[in-house]
């Protein structure tokens, strides 16, 4: 089983730049009620193809990654989700609770949609909890 998984991962990494669609670099800042949102996952899902994702830093800044070594997102229209789970663990390191801290209108019931163009894209998300 492990061998099949390893072979599958290796095959997935073998594609060259010719196999990759046109991408644009995407960066931005995510805030919630005016404050930087640290540790949130920002995901851009195109109509067809692989999603791109990034995580916000302490200043709310994110950089989307198309793959491990390729920054950006596929050029075109994307549905965007932003989520951050507040997780609590017990003394043994076991997860005891997990709660989404970003309103569902930005993740499970997202209302966010963005266009990615070739080149540089700066897309900020000023989210509100109301």
Protein backbone atom coordinates (compact mmCIF):
# COMPACT_ATOMS: atom_id res chain seq x y z
CA UNK A 1 0.00 0.00 0.00
CA UNK A 2 2.78 2.43 0.96
CA UNK A 3 4.58 1.65 -2.32
CA UNK A 4 1.47 2.49 -4.34
CA UNK A 5 1.10 5.78 -2.49
CA UNK A 6 4.77 6.64 -2.99
CA UNK A 7 4.60 5.81 -6.71
CA UNK A 8 1.45 7.93 -7.06
CA UNK A 9 3.07 10.90 -5.35
CA UNK A 10 6.22 10.54 -7.46
CA UNK A 11 4.20 10.37 -10.68
CA UNK A 12 2.25 13.46 -9.65
CA UNK A 13 5.50 15.39 -9.16
CA UNK A 14 6.94 14.34 -12.53
CA UNK A 15 4.87 16.76 -14.62
CA UNK A 16 6.96 19.55 -16.09
CA UNK A 17 6.13 23.19 -16.67
CA UNK A 18 4.52 22.16 -19.99
CA UNK A 19 1.89 20.23 -18.03
CA UNK A 20 1.01 23.22 -15.86
CA UNK A 21 -1.70 25.72 -16.88
CA UNK A 22 -0.98 29.45 -17.07
CA UNK A 23 -0.72 30.81 -13.55
CA UNK A 24 -0.61 34.23 -11.95
CA UNK A 25 1.10 35.10 -8.68
CA UNK A 26 -1.46 35.89 -5.97
CA UNK A 27 -0.71 37.65 -2.69
CA UNK A 28 -2.79 39.70 -0.31
CA UNK A 29 -3.83 40.43 3.24
CA UNK A 30 -6.76 38.92 5.16
CA UNK A 31 -8.32 40.89 8.00
CA UNK A 32 -11.29 40.10 10.22
CA UNK A 33 -13.07 43.16 11.61
CA UNK A 34 -10.02 45.27 10.76
CA UNK A 35 -7.41 43.05 12.48
CA UNK A 36 -4.94 40.76 10.65
CA UNK A 37 -6.15 37.15 10.61
CA UNK A 38 -3.16 34.93 11.43
CA UNK A 39 -3.13 31.19 10.65
CA UNK A 40 -6.04 31.20 8.20
CA UNK A 41 -6.10 29.00 5.10
CA UNK A 42 -6.92 30.84 1.87
CA UNK A 43 -8.00 28.56 -0.98
CA UNK A 44 -8.71 29.49 -4.60
CA UNK A 45 -10.68 26.79 -6.49
CA UNK A 46 -10.90 27.29 -10.27
CA UNK A 47 -13.90 26.10 -12.27
CA UNK A 48 -11.75 23.21 -13.50
CA UNK A 49 -8.42 21.98 -12.22
CA UNK A 50 -6.28 22.04 -9.12
CA UNK A 51 -6.88 24.55 -6.32
CA UNK A 52 -4.18 26.82 -4.91
CA UNK A 53 -3.78 27.57 -1.22
CA UNK A 54 -1.79 29.65 1.22
CA UNK A 55 -1.69 30.39 4.94
CA UNK A 56 -1.74 33.83 6.49
CA UNK A 57 1.14 35.03 8.64
CA UNK A 58 0.98 37.26 11.74
CA UNK A 59 0.27 40.32 9.58
CA UNK A 60 -2.52 38.52 7.68
CA UNK A 61 -0.42 38.23 4.51
CA UNK A 62 -0.75 35.16 2.30
CA UNK A 63 0.97 33.86 -0.84
CA UNK A 64 -0.90 31.25 -2.89
CA UNK A 65 0.94 28.11 -3.92
CA UNK A 66 -0.14 26.10 -6.98
CA UNK A 67 2.18 23.27 -5.98
CA UNK A 68 5.01 22.77 -3.50
CA UNK A 69 7.47 24.68 -5.69
CA UNK A 70 5.19 26.87 -7.84
CA UNK A 71 3.65 30.09 -6.52
CA UNK A 72 0.33 31.27 -7.88
CA UNK A 73 -3.05 30.10 -9.07
CA UNK A 74 -4.50 29.07 -12.42
CA UNK A 75 -5.49 32.06 -14.55
CA UNK A 76 -9.28 32.53 -14.57
CA UNK A 77 -12.27 32.70 -12.25
CA UNK A 78 -12.06 31.14 -8.77
CA UNK A 79 -14.32 30.43 -5.83
CA UNK A 80 -12.45 31.51 -2.69
CA UNK A 81 -12.71 30.04 0.80
CA UNK A 82 -11.05 31.33 3.95
CA UNK A 83 -11.06 29.29 7.14
CA UNK A 84 -9.33 29.09 10.49
CA UNK A 85 -9.98 26.45 13.11
CA UNK A 86 -9.46 27.19 16.77
CA UNK A 87 -8.32 23.82 18.13
CA UNK A 88 -7.91 22.78 21.76
CA UNK A 89 -5.84 19.83 22.96
CA UNK A 90 -5.66 17.97 26.27
CA UNK A 91 -2.46 17.21 28.21
CA UNK A 92 -1.81 14.12 26.06
CA UNK A 93 -1.94 16.11 22.84
CA UNK A 94 -5.36 14.75 21.89
CA UNK A 95 -7.73 17.11 20.09
CA UNK A 96 -10.62 17.92 22.44
CA UNK A 97 -12.47 20.54 20.38
CA UNK A 98 -12.29 22.36 17.09
CA UNK A 99 -14.27 25.45 16.09
CA UNK A 100 -14.25 27.46 12.86
CA UNK A 101 -13.50 31.09 13.72
CA UNK A 102 -14.27 32.59 10.29
CA UNK A 103 -17.97 33.12 9.44
CA UNK A 104 -19.43 30.45 7.11
CA UNK A 105 -20.14 33.04 4.39
CA UNK A 106 -16.37 32.91 3.71
CA UNK A 107 -15.93 29.11 3.74
CA UNK A 108 -18.76 26.52 3.83
CA UNK A 109 -21.24 28.98 2.29
CA UNK A 110 -18.68 31.17 0.55
CA UNK A 111 -19.76 34.34 -1.21
CA UNK A 112 -16.21 35.07 -2.38
CA UNK A 113 -15.19 34.93 -6.03
CA UNK A 114 -12.05 36.36 -7.65
CA UNK A 115 -10.44 36.55 -11.09
CA UNK A 116 -6.74 35.64 -11.38
CA UNK A 117 -4.82 37.26 -14.25
CA UNK A 118 -1.36 36.50 -15.63
CA UNK A 119 1.42 38.29 -13.77
CA UNK A 120 1.05 39.80 -10.30
CA UNK A 121 -2.31 39.82 -8.46
CA UNK A 122 -2.84 41.53 -5.11
CA UNK A 123 -6.16 40.41 -3.65
CA UNK A 124 -7.02 41.54 -0.13
CA UNK A 125 -9.93 40.18 1.91
CA UNK A 126 -11.37 42.59 4.52
CA UNK A 127 -13.73 40.12 6.26
CA UNK A 128 -16.37 41.02 8.82
CA UNK A 129 -17.84 38.82 11.53
CA UNK A 130 -21.34 40.20 10.97
